[in-house]
Amino acid sequence: MQAIKPVTKPTKQRKMIYRAPDHIRYKLFAAPLSPELRASHGTRSLPVRSGDSIRIMRGDHKGFEGKITRVDRNKYRIYVEGLTREKVDGSTIFVPIHPSKVMITGLNLDDKWRKKILERKKAAIMKVEKVAEKPPKEIVEIKEEVIEEKPPEKKPKRRKKKATKKPPLEKAKEETKAIKKERRPKAKKTRAKSKTTKKTKGGT
């Protein structure tokens, strides 16, 4: 049985977003930059701030352009200058917009820290591009001496001498002689005889 992966419920995800600390909320306000800004600053997105000029890309107010007047980090909404609606009682209020639905067309660079962030990001991208542009290191080609392997010389085959066939009569005689030799008992010399032979030799 395969282990079932734990599913994170939408309620838990929503709870994590609304209980997130301030430094994480700041990242969740990121919006994409326009192609012109992307080319000049070398980054794709940045968190929005009050004073940035934006264009709304989705929703009922698609195509509207204006400056951000207020950023609400509690409700994850931004308010754009000129984008208002009338209430039933006749009063006008700003329309809240989620930062993911906008594109930044102009950056507010009054803050020196924001300038440093942009410089750091640009430098990192330039490093990556330089590494990509560098040609690969020259590969030293080692010429290997090719030794031609000669095929092994074939030795001439020796011809086997044909065994001369003996006539059947001679074969039969040889077989009978061999049988007789096997049957003959070996003559053992007795001690007495050996002693007598020695004495006779001494007398002569």
N, C-alpha and C. Protein backbone atom coordinates (compact mmCIF):
# COMPACT_ATOMS: atom_id res chain seq x y z
N MET A 1 0.85 -1.20 0.00
CA MET A 1 0.00 0.00 0.00
C MET A 1 0.88 1.26 0.00
N GLN A 2 0.58 2.20 -0.89
CA GLN A 2 1.32 3.45 -0.93
C GLN A 2 0.85 4.40 0.16
N ALA A 3 1.81 5.10 0.75
CA ALA A 3 1.48 6.06 1.82
C ALA A 3 0.78 7.28 1.22
N ILE A 4 -0.33 7.67 1.81
CA ILE A 4 -1.11 8.82 1.32
C ILE A 4 -0.46 10.10 1.84
N LYS A 5 -0.17 11.03 0.92
CA LYS A 5 0.47 12.29 1.29
C LYS A 5 -0.54 13.17 2.04
N PRO A 6 -0.07 13.87 3.08
CA PRO A 6 -0.98 14.76 3.82
C PRO A 6 -1.41 15.95 2.96
N VAL A 7 -2.70 16.24 2.94
CA VAL A 7 -3.24 17.34 2.13
C VAL A 7 -3.37 18.57 3.02
N THR A 8 -2.80 19.71 2.54
CA THR A 8 -2.95 20.96 3.29
C THR A 8 -4.27 21.61 2.86
N LYS A 9 -5.14 21.80 3.80
CA LYS A 9 -6.47 22.34 3.50
C LYS A 9 -6.41 23.83 3.23
N PRO A 10 -7.32 24.35 2.40
CA PRO A 10 -7.35 25.81 2.13
C PRO A 10 -7.49 26.65 3.38
N THR A 11 -8.19 26.12 4.37
CA THR A 11 -8.37 26.88 5.62
C THR A 11 -7.02 27.08 6.31
N LYS A 12 -6.18 26.03 6.27
CA LYS A 12 -4.85 26.13 6.90
C LYS A 12 -3.95 27.09 6.13
N GLN A 13 -4.05 27.01 4.80
CA GLN A 13 -3.23 27.91 3.96
C GLN A 13 -3.61 29.37 4.21
N ARG A 14 -4.93 29.61 4.30
CA ARG A 14 -5.43 30.98 4.54
C ARG A 14 -4.97 31.47 5.92
N LYS A 15 -5.00 30.55 6.86
CA LYS A 15 -4.60 30.89 8.23
C LYS A 15 -3.12 31.27 8.28
N MET A 16 -2.29 30.52 7.51
CA MET A 16 -0.85 30.81 7.45
C MET A 16 -0.58 32.19 6.86
N ILE A 17 -1.35 32.54 5.83
CA ILE A 17 -1.17 33.85 5.18
C ILE A 17 -1.51 34.98 6.14
N TYR A 18 -2.64 34.85 6.84
CA TYR A 18 -3.11 35.94 7.69
C TYR A 18 -2.44 35.98 9.06
N ARG A 19 -1.64 34.96 9.36
CA ARG A 19 -0.87 34.98 10.62
C ARG A 19 0.62 35.14 10.34
N ALA A 20 0.99 35.43 9.07
CA ALA A 20 2.39 35.55 8.66
C ALA A 20 3.04 36.78 9.28
N PRO A 21 4.34 36.71 9.61
CA PRO A 21 5.03 37.90 10.12
C PRO A 21 5.25 38.94 9.03
N ASP A 22 5.69 40.12 9.43
CA ASP A 22 5.75 41.27 8.52
C ASP A 22 6.73 41.06 7.36
N HIS A 23 7.87 40.40 7.62
CA HIS A 23 8.87 40.23 6.57
C HIS A 23 8.40 39.27 5.47
N ILE A 24 7.48 38.35 5.82
CA ILE A 24 6.91 37.45 4.81
C ILE A 24 5.77 38.15 4.07
N ARG A 25 4.99 38.95 4.79
CA ARG A 25 3.91 39.73 4.15
C ARG A 25 4.48 40.65 3.08
N TYR A 26 5.64 41.23 3.36
CA TYR A 26 6.30 42.14 2.40
C TYR A 26 6.55 41.42 1.07
N LYS A 27 7.00 40.15 1.13
CA LYS A 27 7.28 39.38 -0.09
C LYS A 27 6.00 39.04 -0.85
N LEU A 28 4.90 38.85 -0.11
CA LEU A 28 3.63 38.50 -0.75
C LEU A 28 3.00 39.67 -1.52
N PHE A 29 3.58 40.87 -1.38
CA PHE A 29 3.10 42.04 -2.12
C PHE A 29 3.83 42.22 -3.46
N ALA A 30 4.60 41.23 -3.87
CA ALA A 30 5.39 41.35 -5.10
C ALA A 30 4.48 41.40 -6.32
N ALA A 31 4.87 42.27 -7.28
CA ALA A 31 4.14 42.42 -8.54
C ALA A 31 5.16 42.46 -9.68
N PRO A 32 4.77 41.98 -10.88
CA PRO A 32 5.74 41.99 -12.00
C PRO A 32 6.03 43.39 -12.50
N LEU A 33 7.25 43.57 -13.03
CA LEU A 33 7.64 44.86 -13.61
C LEU A 33 7.28 44.89 -15.10
N SER A 34 7.11 46.09 -15.63
CA SER A 34 6.84 46.25 -17.07
C SER A 34 8.09 45.86 -17.86
N PRO A 35 7.95 45.52 -19.15
CA PRO A 35 9.12 45.11 -19.95
C PRO A 35 10.24 46.15 -19.96
N GLU A 36 9.90 47.45 -19.96
CA GLU A 36 10.91 48.52 -19.97
C GLU A 36 11.73 48.51 -18.67
N LEU A 37 11.01 48.42 -17.55
CA LEU A 37 11.70 48.38 -16.25
C LEU A 37 12.51 47.09 -16.08
N ARG A 38 11.96 46.01 -16.60
CA ARG A 38 12.66 44.72 -16.50
C ARG A 38 14.00 44.78 -17.25
N ALA A 39 14.00 45.45 -18.41
CA ALA A 39 15.23 45.56 -19.21
C ALA A 39 16.26 46.46 -18.52
N SER A 40 15.78 47.56 -17.91
CA SER A 40 16.71 48.52 -17.29
C SER A 40 17.25 48.05 -15.94
N HIS A 41 16.38 47.42 -15.12
CA HIS A 41 16.80 47.00 -13.77
C HIS A 41 17.21 45.54 -13.68
N GLY A 42 16.85 44.75 -14.68
CA GLY A 42 17.29 43.35 -14.71
C GLY A 42 16.58 42.44 -13.74
N THR A 43 15.37 42.84 -13.27
CA THR A 43 14.59 41.97 -12.38
C THR A 43 13.18 41.80 -12.93
N ARG A 44 12.55 40.70 -12.57
CA ARG A 44 11.21 40.40 -13.07
C ARG A 44 10.11 40.99 -12.20
N SER A 45 10.36 41.02 -10.87
CA SER A 45 9.29 41.50 -9.96
C SER A 45 9.88 42.17 -8.73
N LEU A 46 9.04 42.98 -8.09
CA LEU A 46 9.42 43.68 -6.85
C LEU A 46 8.16 43.89 -6.00
N PRO A 47 8.29 43.94 -4.67
CA PRO A 47 7.14 44.27 -3.84
C PRO A 47 6.71 45.73 -4.06
N VAL A 48 5.39 45.95 -4.17
CA VAL A 48 4.87 47.30 -4.45
C VAL A 48 4.98 48.18 -3.20
N ARG A 49 5.11 49.49 -3.43
CA ARG A 49 5.16 50.47 -2.35
C ARG A 49 4.30 51.66 -2.72
N SER A 50 3.95 52.46 -1.73
CA SER A 50 3.19 53.68 -2.02
C SER A 50 4.10 54.64 -2.80
N GLY A 51 3.55 55.20 -3.86
CA GLY A 51 4.32 56.09 -4.74
C GLY A 51 4.65 55.43 -6.07
N ASP A 52 4.53 54.09 -6.16
CA ASP A 52 4.77 53.40 -7.43
C ASP A 52 3.58 53.63 -8.37
N SER A 53 3.87 53.81 -9.64
CA SER A 53 2.77 53.89 -10.61
C SER A 53 2.54 52.50 -11.19
N ILE A 54 1.24 52.13 -11.27
CA ILE A 54 0.89 50.75 -11.68
C ILE A 54 -0.19 50.77 -12.75
N ARG A 55 -0.32 49.60 -13.42
CA ARG A 55 -1.42 49.39 -14.37
C ARG A 55 -2.14 48.11 -13.94
N ILE A 56 -3.49 48.18 -13.85
CA ILE A 56 -4.28 47.01 -13.44
C ILE A 56 -4.43 46.09 -14.66
N MET A 57 -4.07 44.83 -14.47
CA MET A 57 -4.04 43.87 -15.57
C MET A 57 -5.25 42.93 -15.62
N ARG A 58 -5.95 42.77 -14.48
CA ARG A 58 -7.10 41.86 -14.44
C ARG A 58 -8.23 42.47 -13.61
N GLY A 59 -9.41 41.92 -13.84
CA GLY A 59 -10.56 42.36 -13.04
C GLY A 59 -11.43 43.40 -13.75
N ASP A 60 -12.37 43.97 -13.00
CA ASP A 60 -13.33 44.94 -13.57
C ASP A 60 -12.64 46.24 -14.01
N HIS A 61 -11.54 46.59 -13.36
CA HIS A 61 -10.86 47.86 -13.64
C HIS A 61 -9.61 47.65 -14.51
N LYS A 62 -9.64 46.63 -15.35
CA LYS A 62 -8.49 46.29 -16.20
C LYS A 62 -8.12 47.48 -17.11
N GLY A 63 -6.80 47.79 -17.16
CA GLY A 63 -6.31 48.88 -18.00
C GLY A 63 -6.16 50.21 -17.27
N PHE A 64 -6.68 50.30 -16.02
CA PHE A 64 -6.59 51.56 -15.26
C PHE A 64 -5.15 51.77 -14.79
N GLU A 65 -4.66 53.02 -14.92
CA GLU A 65 -3.30 53.36 -14.48
C GLU A 65 -3.35 54.47 -13.45
N GLY A 66 -2.47 54.36 -12.46
CA GLY A 66 -2.42 55.39 -11.43
C GLY A 66 -1.32 55.10 -10.41
N LYS A 67 -1.19 55.99 -9.42
CA LYS A 67 -0.18 55.84 -8.37
C LYS A 67 -0.79 55.19 -7.15
N ILE A 68 0.01 54.40 -6.46
CA ILE A 68 -0.45 53.75 -5.22
C ILE A 68 -0.42 54.79 -4.10
N THR A 69 -1.58 54.95 -3.43
CA THR A 69 -1.67 55.92 -2.32
C THR A 69 -1.45 55.24 -0.96
N ARG A 70 -1.92 53.97 -0.85
CA ARG A 70 -1.82 53.28 0.44
C ARG A 70 -1.67 51.78 0.23
N VAL A 71 -0.88 51.17 1.12
CA VAL A 71 -0.68 49.70 1.09
C VAL A 71 -1.19 49.16 2.43
N ASP A 72 -2.17 48.26 2.37
CA ASP A 72 -2.74 47.66 3.58
C ASP A 72 -2.18 46.24 3.74
N ARG A 73 -1.24 46.10 4.67
CA ARG A 73 -0.59 44.79 4.85
C ARG A 73 -1.45 43.84 5.68
N ASN A 74 -2.43 44.36 6.37
CA ASN A 74 -3.33 43.48 7.15
C ASN A 74 -4.25 42.69 6.23
N LYS A 75 -4.83 43.38 5.23
CA LYS A 75 -5.80 42.75 4.34
C LYS A 75 -5.21 42.37 2.98
N TYR A 76 -3.89 42.62 2.79
CA TYR A 76 -3.21 42.31 1.52
C TYR A 76 -3.87 43.04 0.34
N ARG A 77 -4.08 44.34 0.50
CA ARG A 77 -4.70 45.13 -0.57
C ARG A 77 -3.94 46.44 -0.76
N ILE A 78 -4.04 46.98 -2.00
CA ILE A 78 -3.45 48.29 -2.28
C ILE A 78 -4.55 49.23 -2.80
N TYR A 79 -4.34 50.54 -2.62
CA TYR A 79 -5.32 51.54 -3.06
C TYR A 79 -4.65 52.49 -4.03
N VAL A 80 -5.32 52.67 -5.19
CA VAL A 80 -4.75 53.46 -6.29
C VAL A 80 -5.44 54.82 -6.35
N GLU A 81 -4.62 55.83 -6.63
CA GLU A 81 -5.13 57.21 -6.73
C GLU A 81 -6.09 57.33 -7.92
N GLY A 82 -7.29 57.80 -7.66
CA GLY A 82 -8.30 58.00 -8.72
C GLY A 82 -9.25 56.83 -8.89
N LEU A 83 -8.92 55.69 -8.31
CA LEU A 83 -9.80 54.52 -8.44
C LEU A 83 -10.74 54.47 -7.23
N THR A 84 -11.93 55.02 -7.40
CA THR A 84 -12.90 55.10 -6.29
C THR A 84 -14.27 54.61 -6.74
N ARG A 85 -15.14 54.42 -5.75
CA ARG A 85 -16.54 54.07 -6.05
C ARG A 85 -17.44 54.74 -5.02
N GLU A 86 -18.71 54.90 -5.41
CA GLU A 86 -19.68 55.56 -4.51
C GLU A 86 -20.42 54.53 -3.68
N LYS A 87 -20.62 54.88 -2.42
CA LYS A 87 -21.42 54.04 -1.54
C LYS A 87 -22.89 54.43 -1.67
N VAL A 88 -23.75 53.66 -1.06
CA VAL A 88 -25.20 53.93 -1.14
C VAL A 88 -25.54 55.29 -0.52
N ASP A 89 -24.80 55.62 0.53
CA ASP A 89 -25.08 56.91 1.20
C ASP A 89 -24.48 58.10 0.46
N GLY A 90 -23.77 57.86 -0.66
CA GLY A 90 -23.24 58.96 -1.47
C GLY A 90 -21.77 59.25 -1.27
N SER A 91 -21.16 58.67 -0.22
CA SER A 91 -19.72 58.91 0.04
C SER A 91 -18.87 58.06 -0.91
N THR A 92 -17.68 58.56 -1.20
CA THR A 92 -16.77 57.83 -2.11
C THR A 92 -15.66 57.17 -1.30
N ILE A 93 -15.29 55.97 -1.74
CA ILE A 93 -14.20 55.22 -1.08
C ILE A 93 -13.26 54.65 -2.15
N PHE A 94 -12.00 54.37 -1.77
CA PHE A 94 -11.03 53.74 -2.68
C PHE A 94 -11.37 52.26 -2.87
N VAL A 95 -11.17 51.79 -4.07
CA VAL A 95 -11.43 50.37 -4.37
C VAL A 95 -10.17 49.57 -4.02
N PRO A 96 -10.28 48.58 -3.15
CA PRO A 96 -9.11 47.77 -2.81
C PRO A 96 -8.77 46.79 -3.94
N ILE A 97 -7.46 46.62 -4.22
CA ILE A 97 -6.99 45.72 -5.30
C ILE A 97 -5.85 44.84 -4.76
N HIS A 98 -5.87 43.60 -5.17
CA HIS A 98 -4.79 42.68 -4.76
C HIS A 98 -3.54 42.96 -5.59
N PRO A 99 -2.34 42.95 -4.96
CA PRO A 99 -1.12 43.30 -5.69
C PRO A 99 -0.75 42.36 -6.84
N SER A 100 -1.27 41.13 -6.84
CA SER A 100 -0.94 40.18 -7.91
C SER A 100 -1.65 40.55 -9.22
N LYS A 101 -2.65 41.45 -9.14
CA LYS A 101 -3.42 41.82 -10.34
C LYS A 101 -2.87 43.05 -11.06
N VAL A 102 -1.73 43.59 -10.57
CA VAL A 102 -1.20 44.82 -11.17
C VAL A 102 0.20 44.58 -11.75
N MET A 103 0.61 45.53 -12.60
CA MET A 103 1.97 45.53 -13.14
C MET A 103 2.60 46.89 -12.86
N ILE A 104 3.83 46.89 -12.35
CA ILE A 104 4.49 48.15 -11.99
C ILE A 104 5.05 48.80 -13.26
N THR A 105 4.64 50.04 -13.51
CA THR A 105 5.13 50.77 -14.69
C THR A 105 6.15 51.85 -14.31
N GLY A 106 6.14 52.27 -13.04
CA GLY A 106 7.11 53.27 -12.57
C GLY A 106 7.46 53.01 -11.11
N LEU A 107 8.77 53.05 -10.79
CA LEU A 107 9.23 52.76 -9.42
C LEU A 107 9.49 54.04 -8.64
N ASN A 108 9.13 54.00 -7.38
CA ASN A 108 9.44 55.09 -6.45
C ASN A 108 10.79 54.79 -5.81
N LEU A 109 11.85 55.52 -6.23
CA LEU A 109 13.21 55.24 -5.75
C LEU A 109 13.70 56.28 -4.74
N ASP A 110 12.77 56.82 -3.90
CA ASP A 110 13.16 57.75 -2.84
C ASP A 110 13.95 57.03 -1.74
N ASP A 111 13.65 55.75 -1.54
CA ASP A 111 14.29 54.97 -0.49
C ASP A 111 15.64 54.43 -0.99
N LYS A 112 16.72 54.73 -0.25
CA LYS A 112 18.07 54.29 -0.65
C LYS A 112 18.20 52.76 -0.55
N TRP A 113 17.44 52.15 0.38
CA TRP A 113 17.51 50.69 0.56
C TRP A 113 16.94 49.97 -0.66
N ARG A 114 15.93 50.58 -1.25
CA ARG A 114 15.32 49.97 -2.44
C ARG A 114 16.29 50.04 -3.63
N LYS A 115 17.03 51.12 -3.71
CA LYS A 115 18.04 51.25 -4.78
C LYS A 115 19.11 50.17 -4.64
N LYS A 116 19.53 49.92 -3.38
CA LYS A 116 20.55 48.90 -3.14
C LYS A 116 20.06 47.50 -3.52
N ILE A 117 18.77 47.25 -3.24
CA ILE A 117 18.17 45.96 -3.60
C ILE A 117 18.24 45.75 -5.11
N LEU A 118 17.87 46.80 -5.85
CA LEU A 118 17.88 46.72 -7.32
C LEU A 118 19.30 46.52 -7.86
N GLU A 119 20.28 47.24 -7.26
CA GLU A 119 21.68 47.10 -7.69
C GLU A 119 22.19 45.68 -7.44
N ARG A 120 21.84 45.14 -6.28
CA ARG A 120 22.28 43.78 -5.92
C ARG A 120 21.70 42.75 -6.88
N LYS A 121 20.41 42.90 -7.20
CA LYS A 121 19.77 41.95 -8.12
C LYS A 121 20.37 42.04 -9.52
N LYS A 122 20.65 43.26 -9.95
CA LYS A 122 21.23 43.46 -11.28
C LYS A 122 22.63 42.83 -11.36
N ALA A 123 23.42 43.02 -10.29
CA ALA A 123 24.78 42.47 -10.26
C ALA A 123 24.76 40.95 -10.32
N ALA A 124 23.79 40.34 -9.60
CA ALA A 124 23.68 38.88 -9.59
C ALA A 124 23.33 38.35 -10.98
N ILE A 125 22.42 39.04 -11.68
CA ILE A 125 22.02 38.61 -13.03
C ILE A 125 23.18 38.78 -14.02
N MET A 126 23.95 39.88 -13.86
CA MET A 126 25.10 40.12 -14.73
C MET A 126 26.15 39.01 -14.57
N LYS A 127 26.34 38.55 -13.33
CA LYS A 127 27.29 37.47 -13.08
C LYS A 127 26.87 36.20 -13.81
N VAL A 128 25.59 35.90 -13.72
CA VAL A 128 25.06 34.69 -14.37
C VAL A 128 25.24 34.78 -15.88
N GLU A 129 24.98 35.97 -16.44
CA GLU A 129 25.12 36.16 -17.89
C GLU A 129 26.57 36.02 -18.33
N LYS A 130 27.51 36.55 -17.53
CA LYS A 130 28.93 36.44 -17.86
C LYS A 130 29.39 34.99 -17.89
N VAL A 131 28.93 34.25 -16.92
CA VAL A 131 29.28 32.82 -16.85
C VAL A 131 28.75 32.09 -18.07
N ALA A 132 27.53 32.46 -18.49
CA ALA A 132 26.92 31.82 -19.66
C ALA A 132 27.65 32.20 -20.95
N GLU A 133 28.14 33.47 -21.03
CA GLU A 133 28.83 33.93 -22.24
C GLU A 133 30.24 33.39 -22.38
N LYS A 134 30.89 33.06 -21.27
CA LYS A 134 32.27 32.58 -21.32
C LYS A 134 32.38 31.33 -22.18
N PRO A 135 33.38 31.32 -23.11
CA PRO A 135 33.55 30.10 -23.92
C PRO A 135 34.12 28.97 -23.07
N PRO A 136 33.84 27.75 -23.42
CA PRO A 136 34.38 26.63 -22.62
C PRO A 136 35.90 26.57 -22.74
N LYS A 137 36.55 26.10 -21.70
CA LYS A 137 38.01 26.00 -21.68
C LYS A 137 38.51 25.12 -22.83
N GLU A 138 39.68 25.55 -23.37
CA GLU A 138 40.24 24.79 -24.49
C GLU A 138 40.62 23.39 -24.04
N ILE A 139 40.10 22.46 -24.75
CA ILE A 139 40.35 21.07 -24.42
C ILE A 139 41.63 20.64 -25.13
N VAL A 140 42.61 20.22 -24.32
CA VAL A 140 43.88 19.78 -24.88
C VAL A 140 43.67 18.40 -25.48
N GLU A 141 43.91 18.36 -26.79
CA GLU A 141 43.69 17.09 -27.48
C GLU A 141 44.95 16.23 -27.35
N ILE A 142 44.80 15.10 -26.78
CA ILE A 142 45.90 14.15 -26.61
C ILE A 142 45.81 13.14 -27.74
N LYS A 143 46.87 13.20 -28.58
CA LYS A 143 46.89 12.28 -29.72
C LYS A 143 47.42 10.93 -29.26
N GLU A 144 46.62 9.99 -29.34
CA GLU A 144 47.00 8.63 -28.95
C GLU A 144 47.57 7.90 -30.17
N GLU A 145 48.72 7.27 -29.94
CA GLU A 145 49.33 6.50 -31.02
C GLU A 145 48.49 5.26 -31.27
N VAL A 146 48.06 5.18 -32.50
CA VAL A 146 47.22 4.05 -32.86
C VAL A 146 48.12 2.90 -33.29
N ILE A 147 48.10 1.85 -32.53
CA ILE A 147 48.90 0.65 -32.85
C ILE A 147 48.02 -0.30 -33.63
N GLU A 148 48.48 -0.54 -34.83
CA GLU A 148 47.70 -1.45 -35.68
C GLU A 148 47.94 -2.88 -35.22
N GLU A 149 46.90 -3.50 -34.85
CA GLU A 149 47.00 -4.89 -34.40
C GLU A 149 46.91 -5.82 -35.60
N LYS A 150 48.01 -6.55 -35.78
CA LYS A 150 48.04 -7.51 -36.88
C LYS A 150 47.29 -8.77 -36.49
N PRO A 151 46.57 -9.33 -37.40
CA PRO A 151 45.88 -10.58 -37.07
C PRO A 151 46.88 -11.72 -36.86
N PRO A 152 46.65 -12.59 -35.90
CA PRO A 152 47.61 -13.68 -35.62
C PRO A 152 47.78 -14.59 -36.85
N GLU A 153 49.09 -14.89 -37.10
CA GLU A 153 49.39 -15.74 -38.25
C GLU A 153 48.93 -17.16 -37.99
N LYS A 154 48.29 -17.69 -38.96
CA LYS A 154 47.78 -19.06 -38.82
C LYS A 154 48.90 -20.05 -39.13
N LYS A 155 49.14 -20.95 -38.18
CA LYS A 155 50.17 -21.98 -38.37
C LYS A 155 49.62 -23.07 -39.28
N PRO A 156 50.50 -23.61 -40.13
CA PRO A 156 50.02 -24.70 -41.01
C PRO A 156 49.70 -25.95 -40.20
N LYS A 157 48.60 -26.52 -40.47
CA LYS A 157 48.15 -27.70 -39.74
C LYS A 157 49.00 -28.92 -40.13
N ARG A 158 49.39 -29.65 -39.07
CA ARG A 158 50.15 -30.88 -39.33
C ARG A 158 49.20 -31.99 -39.73
N ARG A 159 49.68 -32.69 -40.73
CA ARG A 159 48.86 -33.82 -41.18
C ARG A 159 49.14 -35.04 -40.32
N LYS A 160 48.10 -35.64 -39.88
CA LYS A 160 48.25 -36.86 -39.06
C LYS A 160 48.57 -38.05 -39.96
N LYS A 161 49.59 -38.77 -39.47
CA LYS A 161 49.97 -39.97 -40.22
C LYS A 161 48.93 -41.05 -40.00
N LYS A 162 48.56 -41.64 -41.08
CA LYS A 162 47.58 -42.71 -40.99
C LYS A 162 48.26 -43.98 -40.47
N ALA A 163 47.66 -44.54 -39.44
CA ALA A 163 48.21 -45.79 -38.86
C ALA A 163 48.00 -46.93 -39.84
N THR A 164 49.14 -47.64 -40.09
CA THR A 164 49.06 -48.78 -41.04
C THR A 164 48.34 -49.94 -40.38
N LYS A 165 47.40 -50.39 -41.05
CA LYS A 165 46.61 -51.50 -40.51
C LYS A 165 47.38 -52.83 -40.67
N LYS A 166 47.51 -53.55 -39.55
CA LYS A 166 48.17 -54.86 -39.58
C LYS A 166 47.17 -55.93 -40.02
N PRO A 167 47.67 -56.97 -40.66
CA PRO A 167 46.76 -58.06 -41.04
C PRO A 167 46.17 -58.75 -39.83
N PRO A 168 45.03 -59.33 -39.95
CA PRO A 168 44.34 -59.93 -38.77
C PRO A 168 45.12 -61.05 -38.11
N LEU A 169 45.92 -61.84 -38.86
CA LEU A 169 46.69 -62.95 -38.26
C LEU A 169 47.76 -62.43 -37.31
N GLU A 170 48.48 -61.37 -37.73
CA GLU A 170 49.54 -60.82 -36.89
C GLU A 170 48.96 -60.22 -35.61
N LYS A 171 47.82 -59.56 -35.73
CA LYS A 171 47.14 -59.00 -34.55
C LYS A 171 46.81 -60.07 -33.53
N ALA A 172 46.30 -61.18 -34.01
CA ALA A 172 45.89 -62.29 -33.13
C ALA A 172 47.10 -62.88 -32.41
N LYS A 173 48.26 -62.99 -33.10
CA LYS A 173 49.48 -63.54 -32.49
C LYS A 173 49.97 -62.62 -31.37
N GLU A 174 49.97 -61.30 -31.64
CA GLU A 174 50.43 -60.34 -30.64
C GLU A 174 49.56 -60.38 -29.38
N GLU A 175 48.28 -60.50 -29.56
CA GLU A 175 47.34 -60.58 -28.43
C GLU A 175 47.59 -61.81 -27.57
N THR A 176 47.83 -62.96 -28.22
CA THR A 176 48.09 -64.22 -27.48
C THR A 176 49.38 -64.13 -26.68
N LYS A 177 50.44 -63.49 -27.27
CA LYS A 177 51.71 -63.32 -26.57
C LYS A 177 51.53 -62.46 -25.33
N ALA A 178 50.79 -61.38 -25.44
CA ALA A 178 50.55 -60.48 -24.32
C ALA A 178 49.80 -61.18 -23.19
N ILE A 179 48.86 -62.03 -23.53
CA ILE A 179 48.07 -62.76 -22.52
C ILE A 179 48.96 -63.75 -21.78
N LYS A 180 49.83 -64.44 -22.53
CA LYS A 180 50.73 -65.43 -21.91
C LYS A 180 51.69 -64.78 -20.92
N LYS A 181 52.23 -63.59 -21.30
CA LYS A 181 53.13 -62.87 -20.41
C LYS A 181 52.45 -62.49 -19.10
N GLU A 182 51.21 -62.08 -19.18
CA GLU A 182 50.47 -61.71 -17.97
C GLU A 182 50.21 -62.92 -17.07
N ARG A 183 49.97 -64.08 -17.65
CA ARG A 183 49.64 -65.28 -16.88
C ARG A 183 50.87 -65.90 -16.19
N ARG A 184 52.07 -65.74 -16.77
CA ARG A 184 53.28 -66.36 -16.20
C ARG A 184 53.56 -65.80 -14.81
N PRO A 185 53.74 -66.74 -13.81
CA PRO A 185 54.10 -66.28 -12.46
C PRO A 185 55.59 -65.98 -12.37
N LYS A 186 55.95 -64.96 -11.61
CA LYS A 186 57.34 -64.58 -11.48
C LYS A 186 58.04 -65.57 -10.54
N ALA A 187 59.20 -66.05 -11.00
CA ALA A 187 59.97 -67.05 -10.22
C ALA A 187 60.71 -66.37 -9.10
N LYS A 188 60.42 -66.81 -7.85
CA LYS A 188 61.07 -66.25 -6.68
C LYS A 188 62.25 -67.13 -6.28
N LYS A 189 63.40 -66.48 -6.02
CA LYS A 189 64.59 -67.22 -5.59
C LYS A 189 64.48 -67.54 -4.10
N THR A 190 64.73 -68.79 -3.75
CA THR A 190 64.70 -69.22 -2.34
C THR A 190 66.01 -68.85 -1.66
N ARG A 191 65.94 -68.76 -0.34
CA ARG A 191 67.13 -68.38 0.44
C ARG A 191 68.23 -69.44 0.34
N ALA A 192 67.82 -70.66 0.34
CA ALA A 192 68.79 -71.78 0.32
C ALA A 192 69.62 -71.75 -0.95
N LYS A 193 68.94 -71.57 -2.06
CA LYS A 193 69.64 -71.54 -3.34
C LYS A 193 70.62 -70.39 -3.41
N SER A 194 70.21 -69.24 -2.89
CA SER A 194 71.08 -68.07 -2.93
C SER A 194 72.35 -68.31 -2.11
N LYS A 195 72.23 -69.00 -0.96
CA LYS A 195 73.38 -69.30 -0.11
C LYS A 195 74.35 -70.26 -0.80
N THR A 196 73.84 -71.29 -1.42
CA THR A 196 74.67 -72.29 -2.10
C THR A 196 75.46 -71.67 -3.23
N THR A 197 74.84 -70.79 -3.92
CA THR A 197 75.53 -70.11 -5.03
C THR A 197 76.72 -69.31 -4.54
N LYS A 198 76.55 -68.64 -3.38
CA LYS A 198 77.64 -67.86 -2.80
C LYS A 198 78.81 -68.74 -2.40
N LYS A 199 78.54 -69.97 -1.82
CA LYS A 199 79.60 -70.86 -1.36
C LYS A 199 80.39 -71.40 -2.56
N THR A 200 79.72 -71.76 -3.54
CA THR A 200 80.39 -72.31 -4.72
C THR A 200 81.31 -71.29 -5.34
N LYS A 201 80.84 -70.02 -5.34
CA LYS A 201 81.67 -68.96 -5.89
C LYS A 201 82.96 -68.79 -5.08
N GLY A 202 82.85 -68.92 -3.78
CA GLY A 202 84.03 -68.76 -2.91
C GLY A 202 85.02 -69.93 -3.10
N GLY A 203 84.54 -71.19 -3.30
CA GLY A 203 85.40 -72.37 -3.47
C GLY A 203 86.22 -72.35 -4.76
N THR A 204 85.61 -71.82 -5.79
CA THR A 204 86.31 -71.73 -7.08
C THR A 204 87.23 -70.59 -7.00
